[in-house]
Amino acid sequence: MFKYMRQSNEIEQIFTTINTSAISISIKNVDVRYNNVAVIEGVNLDVPAGQVTALVGPSGCGKSSLLTCINRMTDTVAHCQVSGEILVGSDNILHTKTDLGILRRKVGMVFQQPNPFPLSIFENIRFPLKEHGMRDEKSISEIVETVLTQVGLWDEVKDRLKTNALQLSGGQQQRLCIARCLALKPEVILFDEPCSALDPVSSTTVEKLIKGLTPDYTVLMVTHNLAQARRIADHVAVCWMQSGAGCIIESGDTESIFERSIHPITQAFCKGDQG
């Protein structure tokens, strides 16, 4: 069980209060190394609160590695070292005393492949709530309905909540994973290519859902789809390999990056000439 468990009345208050507290992220001089080999070096990036920031760039330049630093998923990777400073709000989450349970409730993550638990639709959302200390079944049921409604799934599944989630379509599974993330009331949501495994119709649904999360949530999304970034992102950061390691070569609001970028690599990449 999580070592940070609070009193039950405080837990109920956390999960039944509407989230209105999106927070910014500030990444300062971050390096990531695997077996002492740098994959990311000297990354600096500010992610504004309550907006969508897209992290783009060619495969292998460290985008996903950077993303997983922000909720310390890198801790689960053997021989991975992360240095620098990552401020989520005012907290440096790379500090050794960071409570990872609290951090991963505050900073949720949705992966490239939908990964529902092999449980019922209802239990997919109930399970993490119980793990985080929620016990009131009425409140849990209300949260299940609320988040499934939020992702546009409630009307599709309300009569089969006991059905195994693995029986849902790929797009429905991904929306369920987003709902499961939302149930924990995060302030930041990380998306690692959330539409790459989906058909165009499901991708459009998920894109609209991600865009609709703002301004209540801060969203940082890795995508290889430049058109997608242009459609839904407020800000874009371009990641590129420099001297054998990934770094951010340019960032700014979406229109500026696509229409008035300064770095020649960004200019070429956004035109489809490189990458």
C-alpha atoms as a PDB file:
ATOM      1  CA  MET A   1       0.000   0.000   0.000  1.00  0.00           C
ATOM      2  CA  PHE A   2       1.082   3.579  -0.480  1.00  0.00           C
ATOM      3  CA  LYS A   3       3.091   4.834   2.481  1.00  0.00           C
ATOM      4  CA  TYR A   4       1.623   8.330   2.229  1.00  0.00           C
ATOM      5  CA  MET A   5      -1.972   7.304   3.062  1.00  0.00           C
ATOM      6  CA  ARG A   6      -4.016  10.094   4.643  1.00  0.00           C
ATOM      7  CA  GLN A   7      -7.066  10.039   6.873  1.00  0.00           C
ATOM      8  CA  SER A   8     -10.130   8.822   4.977  1.00  0.00           C
ATOM      9  CA  ASN A   9     -12.075  12.088   5.193  1.00  0.00           C
ATOM     10  CA  GLU A  10      -9.138  13.979   3.657  1.00  0.00           C
ATOM     11  CA  ILE A  11      -8.846  11.399   0.870  1.00  0.00           C
ATOM     12  CA  GLU A  12     -12.562  11.710   0.061  1.00  0.00           C
ATOM     13  CA  GLN A  13     -12.188  15.483  -0.165  1.00  0.00           C
ATOM     14  CA  ILE A  14      -9.263  15.170  -2.601  1.00  0.00           C
ATOM     15  CA  PHE A  15     -11.130  12.932  -5.006  1.00  0.00           C
ATOM     16  CA  THR A  16     -14.508  14.675  -4.901  1.00  0.00           C
ATOM     17  CA  THR A  17     -13.214  18.201  -5.478  1.00  0.00           C
ATOM     18  CA  ILE A  18     -13.179  19.379  -9.091  1.00  0.00           C
ATOM     19  CA  ASN A  19      -9.645  19.959 -10.276  1.00  0.00           C
ATOM     20  CA  THR A  20      -9.004  23.629 -11.061  1.00  0.00           C
ATOM     21  CA  SER A  21      -5.315  23.660 -10.263  1.00  0.00           C
ATOM     22  CA  ALA A  22      -3.329  23.067 -13.431  1.00  0.00           C
ATOM     23  CA  ILE A  23       0.317  23.861 -12.772  1.00  0.00           C
ATOM     24  CA  SER A  24       3.346  24.688 -14.878  1.00  0.00           C
ATOM     25  CA  ILE A  25       6.413  22.543 -15.451  1.00  0.00           C
ATOM     26  CA  SER A  26       9.935  23.911 -15.678  1.00  0.00           C
ATOM     27  CA  ILE A  27      12.709  21.614 -16.929  1.00  0.00           C
ATOM     28  CA  LYS A  28      16.189  22.963 -16.223  1.00  0.00           C
ATOM     29  CA  ASN A  29      19.435  21.552 -17.607  1.00  0.00           C
ATOM     30  CA  VAL A  30      18.180  17.945 -17.477  1.00  0.00           C
ATOM     31  CA  ASP A  31      20.428  15.081 -18.562  1.00  0.00           C
ATOM     32  CA  VAL A  32      19.312  11.457 -18.915  1.00  0.00           C
ATOM     33  CA  ARG A  33      21.834   8.640 -19.189  1.00  0.00           C
ATOM     34  CA  TYR A  34      21.482   4.900 -19.615  1.00  0.00           C
ATOM     35  CA  ASN A  35      24.582   2.987 -18.544  1.00  0.00           C
ATOM     36  CA  ASN A  36      26.374   6.355 -18.507  1.00  0.00           C
ATOM     37  CA  VAL A  37      25.529   7.020 -22.165  1.00  0.00           C
ATOM     38  CA  ALA A  38      23.674  10.324 -22.637  1.00  0.00           C
ATOM     39  CA  VAL A  39      20.336  10.143 -24.458  1.00  0.00           C
ATOM     40  CA  ILE A  40      19.215  13.604 -23.355  1.00  0.00           C
ATOM     41  CA  GLU A  41      21.586  16.414 -22.519  1.00  0.00           C
ATOM     42  CA  GLY A  42      21.070  19.963 -21.315  1.00  0.00           C
ATOM     43  CA  VAL A  43      17.309  20.104 -21.860  1.00  0.00           C
ATOM     44  CA  ASN A  44      15.562  23.307 -20.831  1.00  0.00           C
ATOM     45  CA  LEU A  45      11.833  23.696 -21.368  1.00  0.00           C
ATOM     46  CA  ASP A  46       8.952  25.601 -19.790  1.00  0.00           C
ATOM     47  CA  VAL A  47       5.517  23.980 -20.067  1.00  0.00           C
ATOM     48  CA  PRO A  48       2.728  26.522 -19.378  1.00  0.00           C
ATOM     49  CA  ALA A  49      -0.077  25.676 -16.984  1.00  0.00           C
ATOM     50  CA  GLY A  50      -3.478  24.735 -18.378  1.00  0.00           C
ATOM     51  CA  GLN A  51      -2.364  24.406 -22.003  1.00  0.00           C
ATOM     52  CA  VAL A  52      -1.294  21.671 -24.443  1.00  0.00           C
ATOM     53  CA  THR A  53       2.412  21.494 -25.241  1.00  0.00           C
ATOM     54  CA  ALA A  54       3.526  19.086 -27.966  1.00  0.00           C
ATOM     55  CA  LEU A  55       7.008  17.572 -27.964  1.00  0.00           C
ATOM     56  CA  VAL A  56       7.967  16.721 -31.552  1.00  0.00           C
ATOM     57  CA  GLY A  57      11.052  15.423 -33.309  1.00  0.00           C
ATOM     58  CA  PRO A  58      12.405  12.342 -35.077  1.00  0.00           C
ATOM     59  CA  SER A  59      12.479   8.891 -33.507  1.00  0.00           C
ATOM     60  CA  GLY A  60      15.308   8.236 -31.073  1.00  0.00           C
ATOM     61  CA  CYS A  61      15.917  11.806 -29.941  1.00  0.00           C
ATOM     62  CA  GLY A  62      14.756  11.213 -26.360  1.00  0.00           C
ATOM     63  CA  LYS A  63      11.214  12.584 -26.363  1.00  0.00           C
ATOM     64  CA  SER A  64       9.666   9.679 -24.455  1.00  0.00           C
ATOM     65  CA  SER A  65      12.627   9.521 -22.073  1.00  0.00           C
ATOM     66  CA  LEU A  66      12.113  13.180 -21.240  1.00  0.00           C
ATOM     67  CA  LEU A  67       8.396  12.614 -20.731  1.00  0.00           C
ATOM     68  CA  THR A  68       8.926   9.758 -18.286  1.00  0.00           C
ATOM     69  CA  CYS A  69      11.294  11.868 -16.193  1.00  0.00           C
ATOM     70  CA  ILE A  70       8.397  14.091 -15.200  1.00  0.00           C
ATOM     71  CA  ASN A  71       6.664  11.424 -13.126  1.00  0.00           C
ATOM     72  CA  ARG A  72       9.862   9.539 -12.326  1.00  0.00           C
ATOM     73  CA  MET A  73       8.961   6.467 -14.381  1.00  0.00           C
ATOM     74  CA  THR A  74      12.670   6.507 -15.203  1.00  0.00           C
ATOM     75  CA  ASP A  75      13.202   5.180 -11.667  1.00  0.00           C
ATOM     76  CA  THR A  76      11.897   1.817 -12.873  1.00  0.00           C
ATOM     77  CA  VAL A  77      14.571   1.551 -15.587  1.00  0.00           C
ATOM     78  CA  ALA A  78      17.820  -0.140 -14.588  1.00  0.00           C
ATOM     79  CA  HIS A  79      21.002   1.932 -14.930  1.00  0.00           C
ATOM     80  CA  CYS A  80      19.093   5.133 -15.747  1.00  0.00           C
ATOM     81  CA  GLN A  81      20.426   8.339 -14.233  1.00  0.00           C
ATOM     82  CA  VAL A  82      18.584  11.667 -14.372  1.00  0.00           C
ATOM     83  CA  SER A  83      20.184  14.938 -13.303  1.00  0.00           C
ATOM     84  CA  GLY A  84      19.159  18.580 -13.359  1.00  0.00           C
ATOM     85  CA  GLU A  85      15.944  20.072 -12.053  1.00  0.00           C
ATOM     86  CA  ILE A  86      12.294  19.457 -12.931  1.00  0.00           C
ATOM     87  CA  LEU A  87       9.859  21.753 -11.198  1.00  0.00           C
ATOM     88  CA  VAL A  88       6.235  20.618 -11.155  1.00  0.00           C
ATOM     89  CA  GLY A  89       4.678  23.713  -9.727  1.00  0.00           C
ATOM     90  CA  SER A  90       7.243  24.762  -7.139  1.00  0.00           C
ATOM     91  CA  ASP A  91       8.452  21.248  -6.270  1.00  0.00           C
ATOM     92  CA  ASN A  92      11.663  19.796  -7.681  1.00  0.00           C
ATOM     93  CA  ILE A  93      10.451  16.266  -8.318  1.00  0.00           C
ATOM     94  CA  LEU A  94      13.999  14.948  -8.786  1.00  0.00           C
ATOM     95  CA  HIS A  95      14.648  15.518  -5.082  1.00  0.00           C
ATOM     96  CA  THR A  96      15.453  12.263  -3.300  1.00  0.00           C
ATOM     97  CA  LYS A  97      12.676  12.838  -0.752  1.00  0.00           C
ATOM     98  CA  THR A  98       9.918  13.132  -3.378  1.00  0.00           C
ATOM     99  CA  ASP A  99       7.015  10.827  -2.540  1.00  0.00           C
ATOM    100  CA  LEU A 100       6.480   8.947  -5.792  1.00  0.00           C
ATOM    101  CA  GLY A 101       2.940   7.910  -4.905  1.00  0.00           C
ATOM    102  CA  ILE A 102       1.854  11.515  -4.503  1.00  0.00           C
ATOM    103  CA  LEU A 103       3.826  12.573  -7.583  1.00  0.00           C
ATOM    104  CA  ARG A 104       2.193   9.984  -9.831  1.00  0.00           C
ATOM    105  CA  ARG A 105      -1.248  11.007  -8.649  1.00  0.00           C
ATOM    106  CA  LYS A 106      -0.397  14.627  -9.429  1.00  0.00           C
ATOM    107  CA  VAL A 107       1.262  13.771 -12.770  1.00  0.00           C
ATOM    108  CA  GLY A 108      -0.739  11.164 -14.677  1.00  0.00           C
ATOM    109  CA  MET A 109       0.397   9.395 -17.821  1.00  0.00           C
ATOM    110  CA  VAL A 110      -1.308   7.848 -20.846  1.00  0.00           C
ATOM    111  CA  PHE A 111       0.765   5.589 -23.076  1.00  0.00           C
ATOM    112  CA  GLN A 112       1.034   4.882 -26.788  1.00  0.00           C
ATOM    113  CA  GLN A 113      -0.726   1.519 -26.605  1.00  0.00           C
ATOM    114  CA  PRO A 114      -3.990   1.474 -24.617  1.00  0.00           C
ATOM    115  CA  ASN A 115      -3.264  -0.457 -21.433  1.00  0.00           C
ATOM    116  CA  PRO A 116      -6.508  -1.123 -19.551  1.00  0.00           C
ATOM    117  CA  PHE A 117      -6.272  -3.561 -16.664  1.00  0.00           C
ATOM    118  CA  PRO A 118      -7.706  -7.034 -17.456  1.00  0.00           C
ATOM    119  CA  LEU A 119     -10.651  -6.159 -15.228  1.00  0.00           C
ATOM    120  CA  SER A 120     -14.152  -4.816 -15.744  1.00  0.00           C
ATOM    121  CA  ILE A 121     -14.687  -1.313 -17.089  1.00  0.00           C
ATOM    122  CA  PHE A 122     -15.899  -0.201 -13.657  1.00  0.00           C
ATOM    123  CA  GLU A 123     -13.004  -1.869 -11.838  1.00  0.00           C
ATOM    124  CA  ASN A 124     -10.454  -0.195 -14.095  1.00  0.00           C
ATOM    125  CA  ILE A 125     -11.357   3.094 -12.439  1.00  0.00           C
ATOM    126  CA  ARG A 126     -12.292   1.789  -9.008  1.00  0.00           C
ATOM    127  CA  PHE A 127      -9.004  -0.100  -8.546  1.00  0.00           C
ATOM    128  CA  PRO A 128      -6.604   2.905  -8.541  1.00  0.00           C
ATOM    129  CA  LEU A 129      -8.997   4.885  -6.348  1.00  0.00           C
ATOM    130  CA  LYS A 130      -8.969   2.071  -3.791  1.00  0.00           C
ATOM    131  CA  GLU A 131      -5.186   1.809  -4.022  1.00  0.00           C
ATOM    132  CA  HIS A 132      -4.930   5.506  -3.237  1.00  0.00           C
ATOM    133  CA  GLY A 133      -7.044   5.090  -0.135  1.00  0.00           C
ATOM    134  CA  MET A 134     -10.614   5.808  -1.190  1.00  0.00           C
ATOM    135  CA  ARG A 135     -13.152   3.575   0.537  1.00  0.00           C
ATOM    136  CA  ASP A 136     -16.590   5.132   0.074  1.00  0.00           C
ATOM    137  CA  GLU A 137     -18.302   3.116  -2.672  1.00  0.00           C
ATOM    138  CA  LYS A 138     -20.892   5.802  -3.370  1.00  0.00           C
ATOM    139  CA  SER A 139     -18.166   8.354  -4.036  1.00  0.00           C
ATOM    140  CA  ILE A 140     -16.299   5.850  -6.185  1.00  0.00           C
ATOM    141  CA  SER A 141     -19.408   5.197  -8.298  1.00  0.00           C
ATOM    142  CA  GLU A 142     -19.920   8.928  -8.749  1.00  0.00           C
ATOM    143  CA  ILE A 143     -16.327   9.380  -9.876  1.00  0.00           C
ATOM    144  CA  VAL A 144     -16.629   6.472 -12.321  1.00  0.00           C
ATOM    145  CA  GLU A 145     -19.673   8.071 -13.944  1.00  0.00           C
ATOM    146  CA  THR A 146     -18.099  11.529 -13.947  1.00  0.00           C
ATOM    147  CA  VAL A 147     -14.843  10.552 -15.650  1.00  0.00           C
ATOM    148  CA  LEU A 148     -16.482   8.198 -18.135  1.00  0.00           C
ATOM    149  CA  THR A 149     -18.812  11.055 -19.067  1.00  0.00           C
ATOM    150  CA  GLN A 150     -15.838  13.397 -19.325  1.00  0.00           C
ATOM    151  CA  VAL A 151     -14.189  11.175 -21.949  1.00  0.00           C
ATOM    152  CA  GLY A 152     -17.438  10.509 -23.800  1.00  0.00           C
ATOM    153  CA  LEU A 153     -17.693   6.842 -22.792  1.00  0.00           C
ATOM    154  CA  TRP A 154     -20.548   6.794 -20.287  1.00  0.00           C
ATOM    155  CA  ASP A 155     -23.395   6.487 -22.782  1.00  0.00           C
ATOM    156  CA  GLU A 156     -21.464   3.781 -24.663  1.00  0.00           C
ATOM    157  CA  VAL A 157     -20.707   1.567 -21.645  1.00  0.00           C
ATOM    158  CA  LYS A 158     -23.126   2.433 -18.817  1.00  0.00           C
ATOM    159  CA  ASP A 159     -25.104  -0.763 -19.366  1.00  0.00           C
ATOM    160  CA  ARG A 160     -22.044  -3.017 -19.400  1.00  0.00           C
ATOM    161  CA  LEU A 161     -19.767  -1.697 -16.686  1.00  0.00           C
ATOM    162  CA  LYS A 162     -19.048  -5.259 -15.549  1.00  0.00           C
ATOM    163  CA  THR A 163     -17.735  -6.211 -19.010  1.00  0.00           C
ATOM    164  CA  ASN A 164     -14.003  -6.868 -19.284  1.00  0.00           C
ATOM    165  CA  ALA A 165     -12.337  -3.694 -20.524  1.00  0.00           C
ATOM    166  CA  LEU A 166     -10.254  -5.695 -22.993  1.00  0.00           C
ATOM    167  CA  GLN A 167     -13.441  -6.247 -25.012  1.00  0.00           C
ATOM    168  CA  LEU A 168     -13.648  -2.538 -25.845  1.00  0.00           C
ATOM    169  CA  SER A 169     -12.370  -1.185 -29.154  1.00  0.00           C
ATOM    170  CA  GLY A 170      -8.899   0.367 -29.266  1.00  0.00           C
ATOM    171  CA  GLY A 171     -10.276   3.903 -29.192  1.00  0.00           C
ATOM    172  CA  GLN A 172     -12.596   3.086 -26.306  1.00  0.00           C
ATOM    173  CA  GLN A 173      -9.735   1.471 -24.393  1.00  0.00           C
ATOM    174  CA  GLN A 174      -7.619   4.589 -24.803  1.00  0.00           C
ATOM    175  CA  ARG A 175     -10.453   6.799 -23.578  1.00  0.00           C
ATOM    176  CA  LEU A 176     -10.904   4.457 -20.612  1.00  0.00           C
ATOM    177  CA  CYS A 177      -7.215   4.850 -19.805  1.00  0.00           C
ATOM    178  CA  ILE A 178      -7.634   8.626 -19.928  1.00  0.00           C
ATOM    179  CA  ALA A 179     -10.681   8.334 -17.639  1.00  0.00           C
ATOM    180  CA  ARG A 180      -8.664   6.182 -15.224  1.00  0.00           C
ATOM    181  CA  CYS A 181      -6.018   8.881 -15.171  1.00  0.00           C
ATOM    182  CA  LEU A 182      -8.573  11.652 -14.609  1.00  0.00           C
ATOM    183  CA  ALA A 183     -10.129   9.774 -11.682  1.00  0.00           C
ATOM    184  CA  LEU A 184      -7.044  10.488  -9.570  1.00  0.00           C
ATOM    185  CA  LYS A 185      -7.444  14.250 -10.063  1.00  0.00           C
ATOM    186  CA  PRO A 186      -4.023  14.970 -11.597  1.00  0.00           C
ATOM    187  CA  GLU A 187      -2.756  18.466 -12.272  1.00  0.00           C
ATOM    188  CA  VAL A 188      -0.560  17.378 -15.184  1.00  0.00           C
ATOM    189  CA  ILE A 189      -1.233  14.686 -17.813  1.00  0.00           C
ATOM    190  CA  LEU A 190       1.553  13.251 -19.952  1.00  0.00           C
ATOM    191  CA  PHE A 191       0.609  11.631 -23.274  1.00  0.00           C
ATOM    192  CA  ASP A 192       3.121   9.465 -25.144  1.00  0.00           C
ATOM    193  CA  GLU A 193       1.869   9.286 -28.751  1.00  0.00           C
ATOM    194  CA  PRO A 194      -1.704   8.613 -27.578  1.00  0.00           C
ATOM    195  CA  CYS A 195      -3.188   8.233 -31.079  1.00  0.00           C
ATOM    196  CA  SER A 196      -0.472   6.290 -32.892  1.00  0.00           C
ATOM    197  CA  ALA A 197      -2.223   2.932 -32.369  1.00  0.00           C
ATOM    198  CA  LEU A 198      -5.696   4.230 -33.263  1.00  0.00           C
ATOM    199  CA  ASP A 199      -7.693   4.519 -36.466  1.00  0.00           C
ATOM    200  CA  PRO A 200      -8.368   8.033 -37.866  1.00  0.00           C
ATOM    201  CA  VAL A 201     -11.879   8.275 -36.392  1.00  0.00           C
ATOM    202  CA  SER A 202     -10.730   7.249 -32.909  1.00  0.00           C
ATOM    203  CA  SER A 203      -7.705   9.556 -33.236  1.00  0.00           C
ATOM    204  CA  THR A 204      -9.966  12.519 -33.933  1.00  0.00           C
ATOM    205  CA  THR A 205     -12.065  11.672 -30.861  1.00  0.00           C
ATOM    206  CA  VAL A 206      -8.996  11.440 -28.633  1.00  0.00           C
ATOM    207  CA  GLU A 207      -7.532  14.651 -30.066  1.00  0.00           C
ATOM    208  CA  LYS A 208     -10.717  16.561 -29.221  1.00  0.00           C
ATOM    209  CA  LEU A 209     -10.674  15.027 -25.760  1.00  0.00           C
ATOM    210  CA  ILE A 210      -7.067  16.092 -25.134  1.00  0.00           C
ATOM    211  CA  LYS A 211      -7.750  19.619 -26.339  1.00  0.00           C
ATOM    212  CA  GLY A 212     -10.819  19.768 -24.097  1.00  0.00           C
ATOM    213  CA  LEU A 213      -8.751  18.990 -20.993  1.00  0.00           C
ATOM    214  CA  THR A 214      -7.453  22.538 -20.921  1.00  0.00           C
ATOM    215  CA  PRO A 215      -7.470  24.821 -19.007  1.00  0.00           C
ATOM    216  CA  ASP A 216      -8.164  22.478 -16.076  1.00  0.00           C
ATOM    217  CA  TYR A 217      -5.095  20.331 -16.781  1.00  0.00           C
ATOM    218  CA  THR A 218      -1.570  20.930 -18.019  1.00  0.00           C
ATOM    219  CA  VAL A 219      -0.871  18.600 -20.956  1.00  0.00           C
ATOM    220  CA  LEU A 220       2.530  17.582 -22.330  1.00  0.00           C
ATOM    221  CA  MET A 221       2.234  15.290 -25.341  1.00  0.00           C
ATOM    222  CA  VAL A 222       4.813  13.438 -27.437  1.00  0.00           C
ATOM    223  CA  THR A 223       3.709  13.074 -31.045  1.00  0.00           C
ATOM    224  CA  HIS A 224       5.314  12.223 -34.383  1.00  0.00           C
ATOM    225  CA  ASN A 225       2.314  13.702 -36.164  1.00  0.00           C
ATOM    226  CA  LEU A 226       3.113  17.321 -37.005  1.00  0.00           C
ATOM    227  CA  ALA A 227      -0.420  17.937 -38.285  1.00  0.00           C
ATOM    228  CA  GLN A 228      -1.769  16.703 -34.972  1.00  0.00           C
ATOM    229  CA  ALA A 229       0.559  18.996 -33.047  1.00  0.00           C
ATOM    230  CA  ARG A 230      -0.575  21.910 -35.163  1.00  0.00           C
ATOM    231  CA  ARG A 231      -4.254  21.063 -34.597  1.00  0.00           C
ATOM    232  CA  ILE A 232      -4.328  20.718 -30.849  1.00  0.00           C
ATOM    233  CA  ALA A 233      -1.169  22.152 -29.282  1.00  0.00           C
ATOM    234  CA  ASP A 234      -0.856  25.657 -27.888  1.00  0.00           C
ATOM    235  CA  HIS A 235       2.922  25.316 -27.719  1.00  0.00           C
ATOM    236  CA  VAL A 236       5.478  23.134 -29.507  1.00  0.00           C
ATOM    237  CA  ALA A 237       8.982  22.055 -28.482  1.00  0.00           C
ATOM    238  CA  VAL A 238      11.300  20.509 -31.077  1.00  0.00           C
ATOM    239  CA  CYS A 239      13.642  17.786 -29.884  1.00  0.00           C
ATOM    240  CA  TRP A 240      16.707  16.892 -31.959  1.00  0.00           C
ATOM    241  CA  MET A 241      19.942  14.950 -31.732  1.00  0.00           C
ATOM    242  CA  GLN A 242      22.956  17.163 -31.172  1.00  0.00           C
ATOM    243  CA  SER A 243      26.402  15.678 -30.503  1.00  0.00           C
ATOM    244  CA  GLY A 244      24.876  12.259 -29.946  1.00  0.00           C
ATOM    245  CA  ALA A 245      22.191  13.239 -27.418  1.00  0.00           C
ATOM    246  CA  GLY A 246      18.712  14.712 -27.596  1.00  0.00           C
ATOM    247  CA  CYS A 247      18.060  18.324 -26.726  1.00  0.00           C
ATOM    248  CA  ILE A 248      15.417  20.988 -27.280  1.00  0.00           C
ATOM    249  CA  ILE A 249      16.530  23.139 -30.185  1.00  0.00           C
ATOM    250  CA  GLU A 250      13.529  25.468 -30.251  1.00  0.00           C
ATOM    251  CA  SER A 251      10.193  25.985 -28.513  1.00  0.00           C
ATOM    252  CA  GLY A 252       7.398  28.492 -28.653  1.00  0.00           C
ATOM    253  CA  ASP A 253       3.737  28.955 -29.452  1.00  0.00           C
ATOM    254  CA  THR A 254       2.488  26.697 -32.218  1.00  0.00           C
ATOM    255  CA  GLU A 255       2.045  29.332 -34.887  1.00  0.00           C
ATOM    256  CA  SER A 256       5.533  30.724 -34.301  1.00  0.00           C
ATOM    257  CA  ILE A 257       7.166  27.295 -34.555  1.00  0.00           C
ATOM    258  CA  PHE A 258       5.380  26.363 -37.765  1.00  0.00           C
ATOM    259  CA  GLU A 259       5.332  29.754 -39.457  1.00  0.00           C
ATOM    260  CA  ARG A 260       8.199  31.819 -38.014  1.00  0.00           C
ATOM    261  CA  SER A 261      10.723  29.383 -36.552  1.00  0.00           C
ATOM    262  CA  ILE A 262      14.284  30.602 -36.204  1.00  0.00           C
ATOM    263  CA  HIS A 263      16.391  27.444 -36.116  1.00  0.00           C
ATOM    264  CA  PRO A 264      17.110  26.079 -39.619  1.00  0.00           C
ATOM    265  CA  ILE A 265      16.523  22.495 -38.451  1.00  0.00           C
ATOM    266  CA  THR A 266      13.084  23.461 -37.138  1.00  0.00           C
ATOM    267  CA  GLN A 267      12.281  25.212 -40.400  1.00  0.00           C
ATOM    268  CA  ALA A 268      13.233  22.139 -42.427  1.00  0.00           C
ATOM    269  CA  PHE A 269      11.556  19.657 -40.073  1.00  0.00           C
ATOM    270  CA  CYS A 270       8.237  21.500 -40.026  1.00  0.00           C
ATOM    271  CA  LYS A 271       8.275  21.529 -43.821  1.00  0.00           C
ATOM    272  CA  GLY A 272       8.890  17.784 -43.886  1.00  0.00           C
ATOM    273  CA  ASP A 273      12.412  18.150 -45.301  1.00  0.00           C
ATOM    274  CA  GLN A 274      14.150  16.377 -42.406  1.00  0.00           C
ATOM    275  CA  GLY A 275      13.411  13.770 -39.728  1.00  0.00           C
END
